[in-house]
Amino acid sequence: MVAFGRSGAWVQGSCGSVEIDAPIFDMHRFAVRTYPDGMPVETVHEHPAEHGHRFMLDHVHECLVRGRLESPMVRWQFSLGLAEVMEQVLDQVGVTRSGHG
C-alpha cells in the first residue's frame, strides 16, 4: 500500500503542544511548543536517520559515561514540561494509570 500524505501526530495540552513528523514510528524531527509568560516558544529537535528512538538511548549512555546528571542538550526542565503536557493528554482522553488520580 502506498499513501501520499501526512501521518505524523499533534498533541495539544493547556501548557503547550508536541508535533511529531511522519513517520511517527521512526521520527527524525519533533517540535515542542510552550507558552511561558504567554509568549510562544518553539523548540525543534532534529535527529539523524536512526531506528526509532535509539538516538535518545545513545545520548543517555553518553551522558552516563561522562558522569553527567543532566543532558546539556535537553535540560530537566524541558523534560518535565514535556511530561506535564503528556500527562494532560492522558487525563483528557481518560487513560487511567495505577498510582494516579
PDB file of N, CA and C in Angstrom:
ATOM      1  N   MET A   1       0.841  -1.166   0.000  1.00  0.00           N
ATOM      2  CA  MET A   1       0.000   0.000   0.000  1.00  0.00           C
ATOM      3  C   MET A   1       0.891   1.235   0.000  1.00  0.00           C
ATOM      4  N   VAL A   2       0.538   2.194  -0.786  1.00  0.00           N
ATOM      5  CA  VAL A   2       1.280   3.446  -0.857  1.00  0.00           C
ATOM      6  C   VAL A   2       0.330   4.572  -0.474  1.00  0.00           C
ATOM      7  N   ALA A   3       0.792   5.430   0.421  1.00  0.00           N
ATOM      8  CA  ALA A   3      -0.031   6.566   0.833  1.00  0.00           C
ATOM      9  C   ALA A   3       0.777   7.835   0.648  1.00  0.00           C
ATOM     10  N   PHE A   4       0.164   8.825   0.099  1.00  0.00           N
ATOM     11  CA  PHE A   4       0.811  10.113  -0.061  1.00  0.00           C
ATOM     12  C   PHE A   4       0.094  11.087   0.859  1.00  0.00           C
ATOM     13  N   GLY A   5       0.777  11.544   1.850  1.00  0.00           N
ATOM     14  CA  GLY A   5       0.159  12.465   2.789  1.00  0.00           C
ATOM     15  C   GLY A   5       0.854  12.405   4.123  1.00  0.00           C
ATOM     16  N   ARG A   6       0.357  13.184   5.032  1.00  0.00           N
ATOM     17  CA  ARG A   6       0.955  13.329   6.347  1.00  0.00           C
ATOM     18  C   ARG A   6       0.388  12.281   7.299  1.00  0.00           C
ATOM     19  N   SER A   7       1.261  11.648   8.062  1.00  0.00           N
ATOM     20  CA  SER A   7       0.795  10.683   9.063  1.00  0.00           C
ATOM     21  C   SER A   7       1.584  10.853  10.346  1.00  0.00           C
ATOM     22  N   GLY A   8       1.857  12.094  10.710  1.00  0.00           N
ATOM     23  CA  GLY A   8       2.544  12.382  11.956  1.00  0.00           C
ATOM     24  C   GLY A   8       1.531  12.505  13.078  1.00  0.00           C
ATOM     25  N   ALA A   9       1.896  13.207  14.133  1.00  0.00           N
ATOM     26  CA  ALA A   9       0.995  13.359  15.278  1.00  0.00           C
ATOM     27  C   ALA A   9       1.118  14.770  15.850  1.00  0.00           C
ATOM     28  N   TRP A  10       0.027  15.230  16.410  1.00  0.00           N
ATOM     29  CA  TRP A  10      -0.025  16.523  17.077  1.00  0.00           C
ATOM     30  C   TRP A  10      -0.730  16.302  18.405  1.00  0.00           C
ATOM     31  N   VAL A  11      -0.066  16.671  19.489  1.00  0.00           N
ATOM     32  CA  VAL A  11      -0.644  16.524  20.822  1.00  0.00           C
ATOM     33  C   VAL A  11      -0.707  17.909  21.436  1.00  0.00           C
ATOM     34  N   GLN A  12      -1.909  18.318  21.864  1.00  0.00           N
ATOM     35  CA  GLN A  12      -2.115  19.665  22.395  1.00  0.00           C
ATOM     36  C   GLN A  12      -2.578  19.572  23.835  1.00  0.00           C
ATOM     37  N   GLY A  13      -1.983  20.361  24.700  1.00  0.00           N
ATOM     38  CA  GLY A  13      -2.411  20.476  26.088  1.00  0.00           C
ATOM     39  C   GLY A  13      -2.494  21.943  26.451  1.00  0.00           C
ATOM     40  N   SER A  14      -2.951  22.257  27.644  1.00  0.00           N
ATOM     41  CA  SER A  14      -3.086  23.662  28.028  1.00  0.00           C
ATOM     42  C   SER A  14      -1.728  24.336  28.254  1.00  0.00           C
ATOM     43  N   CYS A  15      -0.658  23.551  28.429  1.00  0.00           N
ATOM     44  CA  CYS A  15       0.685  24.111  28.631  1.00  0.00           C
ATOM     45  C   CYS A  15       1.488  24.202  27.343  1.00  0.00           C
ATOM     46  N   GLY A  16       0.994  23.563  26.292  1.00  0.00           N
ATOM     47  CA  GLY A  16       1.736  23.580  25.046  1.00  0.00           C
ATOM     48  C   GLY A  16       1.360  22.426  24.150  1.00  0.00           C
ATOM     49  N   SER A  17       2.224  22.124  23.183  1.00  0.00           N
ATOM     50  CA  SER A  17       1.933  21.053  22.234  1.00  0.00           C
ATOM     51  C   SER A  17       3.215  20.381  21.781  1.00  0.00           C
ATOM     52  N   VAL A  18       3.050  19.174  21.226  1.00  0.00           N
ATOM     53  CA  VAL A  18       4.147  18.414  20.652  1.00  0.00           C
ATOM     54  C   VAL A  18       3.708  18.004  19.257  1.00  0.00           C
ATOM     55  N   GLU A  19       4.536  18.284  18.250  1.00  0.00           N
ATOM     56  CA  GLU A  19       4.247  17.873  16.885  1.00  0.00           C
ATOM     57  C   GLU A  19       5.341  16.906  16.444  1.00  0.00           C
ATOM     58  N   ILE A  20       4.934  15.710  16.023  1.00  0.00           N
ATOM     59  CA  ILE A  20       5.877  14.679  15.582  1.00  0.00           C
ATOM     60  C   ILE A  20       5.681  14.475  14.091  1.00  0.00           C
ATOM     61  N   ASP A  21       6.754  14.650  13.348  1.00  0.00           N
ATOM     62  CA  ASP A  21       6.691  14.455  11.901  1.00  0.00           C
ATOM     63  C   ASP A  21       6.570  12.975  11.560  1.00  0.00           C
ATOM     64  N   ALA A  22       6.024  12.719  10.398  1.00  0.00           N
ATOM     65  CA  ALA A  22       5.861  11.355   9.911  1.00  0.00           C
ATOM     66  C   ALA A  22       7.199  10.813   9.428  1.00  0.00           C
ATOM     67  N   PRO A  23       7.432   9.520   9.440  1.00  0.00           N
ATOM     68  CA  PRO A  23       6.568   8.520  10.048  1.00  0.00           C
ATOM     69  C   PRO A  23       6.755   8.506  11.561  1.00  0.00           C
ATOM     70  N   ILE A  24       5.683   8.399  12.279  1.00  0.00           N
ATOM     71  CA  ILE A  24       5.711   8.534  13.733  1.00  0.00           C
ATOM     72  C   ILE A  24       6.531   7.433  14.397  1.00  0.00           C
ATOM     73  N   PHE A  25       6.600   6.255  13.789  1.00  0.00           N
ATOM     74  CA  PHE A  25       7.323   5.136  14.397  1.00  0.00           C
ATOM     75  C   PHE A  25       8.833   5.256  14.218  1.00  0.00           C
ATOM     76  N   ASP A  26       9.290   6.139  13.362  1.00  0.00           N
ATOM     77  CA  ASP A  26      10.719   6.312  13.113  1.00  0.00           C
ATOM     78  C   ASP A  26      10.993   7.785  12.836  1.00  0.00           C
ATOM     79  N   MET A  27      10.581   8.619  13.780  1.00  0.00           N
ATOM     80  CA  MET A  27      10.647  10.067  13.570  1.00  0.00           C
ATOM     81  C   MET A  27      12.074  10.566  13.513  1.00  0.00           C
ATOM     82  N   HIS A  28      12.261  11.617  12.759  1.00  0.00           N
ATOM     83  CA  HIS A  28      13.551  12.272  12.663  1.00  0.00           C
ATOM     84  C   HIS A  28      13.483  13.700  13.166  1.00  0.00           C
ATOM     85  N   ARG A  29      12.255  14.182  13.440  1.00  0.00           N
ATOM     86  CA  ARG A  29      12.084  15.555  13.893  1.00  0.00           C
ATOM     87  C   ARG A  29      10.822  15.649  14.740  1.00  0.00           C
ATOM     88  N   PHE A  30      10.914  16.434  15.818  1.00  0.00           N
ATOM     89  CA  PHE A  30       9.698  16.784  16.540  1.00  0.00           C
ATOM     90  C   PHE A  30       9.860  18.181  17.110  1.00  0.00           C
ATOM     91  N   ALA A  31       8.743  18.863  17.268  1.00  0.00           N
ATOM     92  CA  ALA A  31       8.746  20.234  17.770  1.00  0.00           C
ATOM     93  C   ALA A  31       7.886  20.302  19.020  1.00  0.00           C
ATOM     94  N   VAL A  32       8.358  21.028  20.012  1.00  0.00           N
ATOM     95  CA  VAL A  32       7.608  21.241  21.242  1.00  0.00           C
ATOM     96  C   VAL A  32       7.342  22.734  21.349  1.00  0.00           C
ATOM     97  N   ARG A  33       6.080  23.078  21.543  1.00  0.00           N
ATOM     98  CA  ARG A  33       5.694  24.486  21.685  1.00  0.00           C
ATOM     99  C   ARG A  33       5.134  24.705  23.085  1.00  0.00           C
ATOM    100  N   THR A  34       5.696  25.668  23.790  1.00  0.00           N
ATOM    101  CA  THR A  34       5.210  26.032  25.117  1.00  0.00           C
ATOM    102  C   THR A  34       4.910  27.531  25.122  1.00  0.00           C
ATOM    103  N   TYR A  35       4.262  27.986  26.193  1.00  0.00           N
ATOM    104  CA  TYR A  35       3.847  29.384  26.268  1.00  0.00           C
ATOM    105  C   TYR A  35       4.206  29.995  27.623  1.00  0.00           C
ATOM    106  N   PRO A  36       5.508  30.053  27.953  1.00  0.00           N
ATOM    107  CA  PRO A  36       5.862  30.699  29.215  1.00  0.00           C
ATOM    108  C   PRO A  36       5.573  32.188  29.133  1.00  0.00           C
ATOM    109  N   ASP A  37       5.019  32.722  30.174  1.00  0.00           N
ATOM    110  CA  ASP A  37       4.677  34.156  30.217  1.00  0.00           C
ATOM    111  C   ASP A  37       3.770  34.568  29.063  1.00  0.00           C
ATOM    112  N   GLY A  38       3.003  33.615  28.509  1.00  0.00           N
ATOM    113  CA  GLY A  38       2.068  33.922  27.446  1.00  0.00           C
ATOM    114  C   GLY A  38       2.667  34.069  26.059  1.00  0.00           C
ATOM    115  N   MET A  39       3.985  33.951  25.948  1.00  0.00           N
ATOM    116  CA  MET A  39       4.660  34.097  24.664  1.00  0.00           C
ATOM    117  C   MET A  39       5.030  32.719  24.113  1.00  0.00           C
ATOM    118  N   PRO A  40       4.753  32.460  22.835  1.00  0.00           N
ATOM    119  CA  PRO A  40       5.064  31.138  22.279  1.00  0.00           C
ATOM    120  C   PRO A  40       6.571  30.914  22.123  1.00  0.00           C
ATOM    121  N   VAL A  41       7.001  29.730  22.503  1.00  0.00           N
ATOM    122  CA  VAL A  41       8.395  29.317  22.350  1.00  0.00           C
ATOM    123  C   VAL A  41       8.384  27.946  21.691  1.00  0.00           C
ATOM    124  N   GLU A  42       9.104  27.806  20.590  1.00  0.00           N
ATOM    125  CA  GLU A  42       9.172  26.519  19.894  1.00  0.00           C
ATOM    126  C   GLU A  42      10.591  25.972  19.980  1.00  0.00           C
ATOM    127  N   THR A  43      10.694  24.710  20.372  1.00  0.00           N
ATOM    128  CA  THR A  43      11.968  24.012  20.403  1.00  0.00           C
ATOM    129  C   THR A  43      11.866  22.863  19.413  1.00  0.00           C
ATOM    130  N   VAL A  44      12.730  22.867  18.398  1.00  0.00           N
ATOM    131  CA  VAL A  44      12.712  21.822  17.377  1.00  0.00           C
ATOM    132  C   VAL A  44      13.892  20.896  17.611  1.00  0.00           C
ATOM    133  N   HIS A  45      13.620  19.609  17.611  1.00  0.00           N
ATOM    134  CA  HIS A  45      14.653  18.592  17.790  1.00  0.00           C
ATOM    135  C   HIS A  45      14.760  17.796  16.501  1.00  0.00           C
ATOM    136  N   GLU A  46      15.931  17.818  15.901  1.00  0.00           N
ATOM    137  CA  GLU A  46      16.155  17.055  14.680  1.00  0.00           C
ATOM    138  C   GLU A  46      17.232  16.023  14.957  1.00  0.00           C
ATOM    139  N   HIS A  47      17.035  14.831  14.425  1.00  0.00           N
ATOM    140  CA  HIS A  47      17.936  13.727  14.686  1.00  0.00           C
ATOM    141  C   HIS A  47      18.273  13.024  13.378  1.00  0.00           C
ATOM    142  N   PRO A  48      19.483  12.484  13.292  1.00  0.00           N
ATOM    143  CA  PRO A  48      19.842  11.753  12.078  1.00  0.00           C
ATOM    144  C   PRO A  48      18.964  10.518  11.928  1.00  0.00           C
ATOM    145  N   ALA A  49      18.906  10.017  10.719  1.00  0.00           N
ATOM    146  CA  ALA A  49      18.108   8.812  10.467  1.00  0.00           C
ATOM    147  C   ALA A  49      18.631   7.669  11.321  1.00  0.00           C
ATOM    148  N   GLU A  50      17.878   7.271  12.272  1.00  0.00           N
ATOM    149  CA  GLU A  50      18.203   6.161  13.164  1.00  0.00           C
ATOM    150  C   GLU A  50      17.004   5.228  13.177  1.00  0.00           C
ATOM    151  N   HIS A  51      17.059   4.255  13.986  1.00  0.00           N
ATOM    152  CA  HIS A  51      15.938   3.325  14.126  1.00  0.00           C
ATOM    153  C   HIS A  51      15.167   3.691  15.381  1.00  0.00           C
ATOM    154  N   GLY A  52      14.012   4.278  15.196  1.00  0.00           N
ATOM    155  CA  GLY A  52      13.176   4.651  16.330  1.00  0.00           C
ATOM    156  C   GLY A  52      13.850   5.682  17.213  1.00  0.00           C
ATOM    157  N   HIS A  53      13.839   5.438  18.501  1.00  0.00           N
ATOM    158  CA  HIS A  53      14.361   6.392  19.483  1.00  0.00           C
ATOM    159  C   HIS A  53      15.777   6.045  19.927  1.00  0.00           C
ATOM    160  N   ARG A  54      16.490   5.317  19.130  1.00  0.00           N
ATOM    161  CA  ARG A  54      17.831   4.896  19.506  1.00  0.00           C
ATOM    162  C   ARG A  54      18.749   6.077  19.815  1.00  0.00           C
ATOM    163  N   PHE A  55      18.590   7.192  19.097  1.00  0.00           N
ATOM    164  CA  PHE A  55      19.433   8.366  19.333  1.00  0.00           C
ATOM    165  C   PHE A  55      19.322   8.836  20.772  1.00  0.00           C
ATOM    166  N   MET A  56      18.122   8.718  21.358  1.00  0.00           N
ATOM    167  CA  MET A  56      17.937   9.131  22.747  1.00  0.00           C
ATOM    168  C   MET A  56      18.703   8.208  23.687  1.00  0.00           C
ATOM    169  N   LEU A  57      18.600   6.909  23.445  1.00  0.00           N
ATOM    170  CA  LEU A  57      19.312   5.946  24.285  1.00  0.00           C
ATOM    171  C   LEU A  57      20.821   6.139  24.183  1.00  0.00           C
ATOM    172  N   ASP A  58      21.307   6.380  22.974  1.00  0.00           N
ATOM    173  CA  ASP A  58      22.740   6.618  22.791  1.00  0.00           C
ATOM    174  C   ASP A  58      23.185   7.859  23.562  1.00  0.00           C
ATOM    175  N   HIS A  59      22.370   8.905  23.545  1.00  0.00           N
ATOM    176  CA  HIS A  59      22.733  10.143  24.238  1.00  0.00           C
ATOM    177  C   HIS A  59      22.725   9.940  25.755  1.00  0.00           C
ATOM    178  N   VAL A  60      21.736   9.222  26.278  1.00  0.00           N
ATOM    179  CA  VAL A  60      21.692   8.933  27.715  1.00  0.00           C
ATOM    180  C   VAL A  60      22.949   8.157  28.115  1.00  0.00           C
ATOM    181  N   HIS A  61      23.298   7.157  27.320  1.00  0.00           N
ATOM    182  CA  HIS A  61      24.502   6.376  27.606  1.00  0.00           C
ATOM    183  C   HIS A  61      25.741   7.271  27.615  1.00  0.00           C
ATOM    184  N   GLU A  62      25.862   8.158  26.635  1.00  0.00           N
ATOM    185  CA  GLU A  62      26.989   9.082  26.567  1.00  0.00           C
ATOM    186  C   GLU A  62      27.061   9.958  27.822  1.00  0.00           C
ATOM    187  N   CYS A  63      25.917  10.469  28.271  1.00  0.00           N
ATOM    188  CA  CYS A  63      25.887  11.314  29.474  1.00  0.00           C
ATOM    189  C   CYS A  63      26.330  10.525  30.700  1.00  0.00           C
ATOM    190  N   LEU A  64      25.834   9.299  30.834  1.00  0.00           N
ATOM    191  CA  LEU A  64      26.194   8.478  31.991  1.00  0.00           C
ATOM    192  C   LEU A  64      27.689   8.162  32.004  1.00  0.00           C
ATOM    193  N   VAL A  65      28.232   7.831  30.849  1.00  0.00           N
ATOM    194  CA  VAL A  65      29.660   7.530  30.749  1.00  0.00           C
ATOM    195  C   VAL A  65      30.494   8.736  31.168  1.00  0.00           C
ATOM    196  N   ARG A  66      30.038   9.935  30.842  1.00  0.00           N
ATOM    197  CA  ARG A  66      30.771  11.161  31.181  1.00  0.00           C
ATOM    198  C   ARG A  66      30.459  11.671  32.589  1.00  0.00           C
ATOM    199  N   GLY A  67      29.623  10.931  33.326  1.00  0.00           N
ATOM    200  CA  GLY A  67      29.293  11.318  34.693  1.00  0.00           C
ATOM    201  C   GLY A  67      28.314  12.468  34.801  1.00  0.00           C
ATOM    202  N   ARG A  68      27.587  12.752  33.735  1.00  0.00           N
ATOM    203  CA  ARG A  68      26.619  13.852  33.747  1.00  0.00           C
ATOM    204  C   ARG A  68      25.311  13.413  34.388  1.00  0.00           C
ATOM    205  N   LEU A  69      24.743  14.285  35.188  1.00  0.00           N
ATOM    206  CA  LEU A  69      23.435  14.032  35.784  1.00  0.00           C
ATOM    207  C   LEU A  69      22.312  14.590  34.923  1.00  0.00           C
ATOM    208  N   GLU A  70      22.686  15.378  33.909  1.00  0.00           N
ATOM    209  CA  GLU A  70      21.704  16.032  33.057  1.00  0.00           C
ATOM    210  C   GLU A  70      22.304  16.201  31.664  1.00  0.00           C
ATOM    211  N   SER A  71      21.472  16.095  30.656  1.00  0.00           N
ATOM    212  CA  SER A  71      21.924  16.294  29.288  1.00  0.00           C
ATOM    213  C   SER A  71      22.156  17.778  29.017  1.00  0.00           C
ATOM    214  N   PRO A  72      23.264  18.147  28.377  1.00  0.00           N
ATOM    215  CA  PRO A  72      23.443  19.548  28.010  1.00  0.00           C
ATOM    216  C   PRO A  72      22.546  19.953  26.844  1.00  0.00           C
ATOM    217  N   MET A  73      21.962  18.978  26.144  1.00  0.00           N
ATOM    218  CA  MET A  73      21.084  19.271  25.005  1.00  0.00           C
ATOM    219  C   MET A  73      19.623  19.411  25.424  1.00  0.00           C
ATOM    220  N   VAL A  74      19.186  18.596  26.367  1.00  0.00           N
ATOM    221  CA  VAL A  74      17.791  18.590  26.810  1.00  0.00           C
ATOM    222  C   VAL A  74      17.797  18.664  28.333  1.00  0.00           C
ATOM    223  N   ARG A  75      17.571  19.836  28.845  1.00  0.00           N
ATOM    224  CA  ARG A  75      17.601  20.061  30.293  1.00  0.00           C
ATOM    225  C   ARG A  75      16.397  19.430  30.972  1.00  0.00           C
ATOM    226  N   TRP A  76      16.525  19.181  32.280  1.00  0.00           N
ATOM    227  CA  TRP A  76      15.455  18.504  33.007  1.00  0.00           C
ATOM    228  C   TRP A  76      14.174  19.321  33.008  1.00  0.00           C
ATOM    229  N   GLN A  77      14.273  20.648  32.995  1.00  0.00           N
ATOM    230  CA  GLN A  77      13.064  21.482  32.983  1.00  0.00           C
ATOM    231  C   GLN A  77      12.252  21.222  31.717  1.00  0.00           C
ATOM    232  N   PHE A  78      12.940  21.057  30.586  1.00  0.00           N
ATOM    233  CA  PHE A  78      12.263  20.762  29.332  1.00  0.00           C
ATOM    234  C   PHE A  78      11.572  19.395  29.405  1.00  0.00           C
ATOM    235  N   SER A  79      12.291  18.403  29.920  1.00  0.00           N
ATOM    236  CA  SER A  79      11.723  17.053  30.042  1.00  0.00           C
ATOM    237  C   SER A  79      10.501  17.056  30.957  1.00  0.00           C
ATOM    238  N   LEU A  80      10.583  17.804  32.046  1.00  0.00           N
ATOM    239  CA  LEU A  80       9.452  17.894  32.966  1.00  0.00           C
ATOM    240  C   LEU A  80       8.254  18.552  32.287  1.00  0.00           C
ATOM    241  N   GLY A  81       8.481  19.626  31.543  1.00  0.00           N
ATOM    242  CA  GLY A  81       7.392  20.288  30.816  1.00  0.00           C
ATOM    243  C   GLY A  81       6.747  19.364  29.800  1.00  0.00           C
ATOM    244  N   LEU A  82       7.562  18.597  29.095  1.00  0.00           N
ATOM    245  CA  LEU A  82       7.036  17.632  28.123  1.00  0.00           C
ATOM    246  C   LEU A  82       6.208  16.561  28.821  1.00  0.00           C
ATOM    247  N   ALA A  83       6.689  16.063  29.951  1.00  0.00           N
ATOM    248  CA  ALA A  83       5.944  15.062  30.707  1.00  0.00           C
ATOM    249  C   ALA A  83       4.606  15.616  31.197  1.00  0.00           C
ATOM    250  N   GLU A  84       4.582  16.880  31.595  1.00  0.00           N
ATOM    251  CA  GLU A  84       3.336  17.500  32.054  1.00  0.00           C
ATOM    252  C   GLU A  84       2.315  17.589  30.917  1.00  0.00           C
ATOM    253  N   VAL A  85       2.765  17.957  29.712  1.00  0.00           N
ATOM    254  CA  VAL A  85       1.855  18.010  28.564  1.00  0.00           C
ATOM    255  C   VAL A  85       1.297  16.619  28.279  1.00  0.00           C
ATOM    256  N   MET A  86       2.157  15.604  28.301  1.00  0.00           N
ATOM    257  CA  MET A  86       1.710  14.245  28.012  1.00  0.00           C
ATOM    258  C   MET A  86       0.754  13.732  29.096  1.00  0.00           C
ATOM    259  N   GLU A  87       0.979  14.092  30.349  1.00  0.00           N
ATOM    260  CA  GLU A  87       0.058  13.723  31.433  1.00  0.00           C
ATOM    261  C   GLU A  87      -1.327  14.329  31.185  1.00  0.00           C
ATOM    262  N   GLN A  88      -1.358  15.584  30.735  1.00  0.00           N
ATOM    263  CA  GLN A  88      -2.635  16.228  30.428  1.00  0.00           C
ATOM    264  C   GLN A  88      -3.366  15.471  29.322  1.00  0.00           C
ATOM    265  N   VAL A  89      -2.627  15.047  28.322  1.00  0.00           N
ATOM    266  CA  VAL A  89      -3.238  14.301  27.219  1.00  0.00           C
ATOM    267  C   VAL A  89      -3.861  13.017  27.749  1.00  0.00           C
ATOM    268  N   LEU A  90      -3.116  12.274  28.553  1.00  0.00           N
ATOM    269  CA  LEU A  90      -3.644  11.023  29.102  1.00  0.00           C
ATOM    270  C   LEU A  90      -4.902  11.272  29.927  1.00  0.00           C
ATOM    271  N   ASP A  91      -4.878  12.322  30.744  1.00  0.00           N
ATOM    272  CA  ASP A  91      -6.052  12.656  31.552  1.00  0.00           C
ATOM    273  C   ASP A  91      -7.245  13.027  30.681  1.00  0.00           C
ATOM    274  N   GLN A  92      -7.004  13.814  29.625  1.00  0.00           N
ATOM    275  CA  GLN A  92      -8.091  14.280  28.773  1.00  0.00           C
ATOM    276  C   GLN A  92      -8.738  13.159  27.974  1.00  0.00           C
ATOM    277  N   VAL A  93      -7.968  12.150  27.616  1.00  0.00           N
ATOM    278  CA  VAL A  93      -8.554  11.049  26.843  1.00  0.00           C
ATOM    279  C   VAL A  93      -9.028   9.909  27.742  1.00  0.00           C
ATOM    280  N   GLY A  94      -8.868  10.073  29.057  1.00  0.00           N
ATOM    281  CA  GLY A  94      -9.428   9.112  30.001  1.00  0.00           C
ATOM    282  C   GLY A  94      -8.565   7.896  30.290  1.00  0.00           C
ATOM    283  N   VAL A  95      -7.284   7.980  30.023  1.00  0.00           N
ATOM    284  CA  VAL A  95      -6.391   6.856  30.324  1.00  0.00           C
ATOM    285  C   VAL A  95      -6.121   6.843  31.825  1.00  0.00           C
ATOM    286  N   THR A  96      -6.345   5.704  32.466  1.00  0.00           N
ATOM    287  CA  THR A  96      -6.070   5.587  33.888  1.00  0.00           C
ATOM    288  C   THR A  96      -4.776   4.803  34.079  1.00  0.00           C
ATOM    289  N   ARG A  97      -4.014   5.236  35.083  1.00  0.00           N
ATOM    290  CA  ARG A  97      -2.746   4.590  35.407  1.00  0.00           C
ATOM    291  C   ARG A  97      -2.734   4.299  36.890  1.00  0.00           C
ATOM    292  N   SER A  98      -2.142   3.187  37.255  1.00  0.00           N
ATOM    293  CA  SER A  98      -2.081   2.858  38.678  1.00  0.00           C
ATOM    294  C   SER A  98      -1.235   3.911  39.394  1.00  0.00           C
ATOM    295  N   GLY A  99      -1.688   4.334  40.562  1.00  0.00           N
ATOM    296  CA  GLY A  99      -0.969   5.328  41.328  1.00  0.00           C
ATOM    297  C   GLY A  99      -1.264   6.764  40.948  1.00  0.00           C
ATOM    298  N   HIS A 100      -2.149   6.980  39.957  1.00  0.00           N
ATOM    299  CA  HIS A 100      -2.516   8.334  39.539  1.00  0.00           C
ATOM    300  C   HIS A 100      -4.022   8.522  39.711  1.00  0.00           C
ATOM    301  N   GLY A 101      -4.393   9.721  40.203  1.00  0.00           N
ATOM    302  CA  GLY A 101      -5.794  10.123  40.270  1.00  0.00           C
ATOM    303  C   GLY A 101      -6.650   9.189  40.989  1.00  0.00           C
TER     304      GLY A 101
END
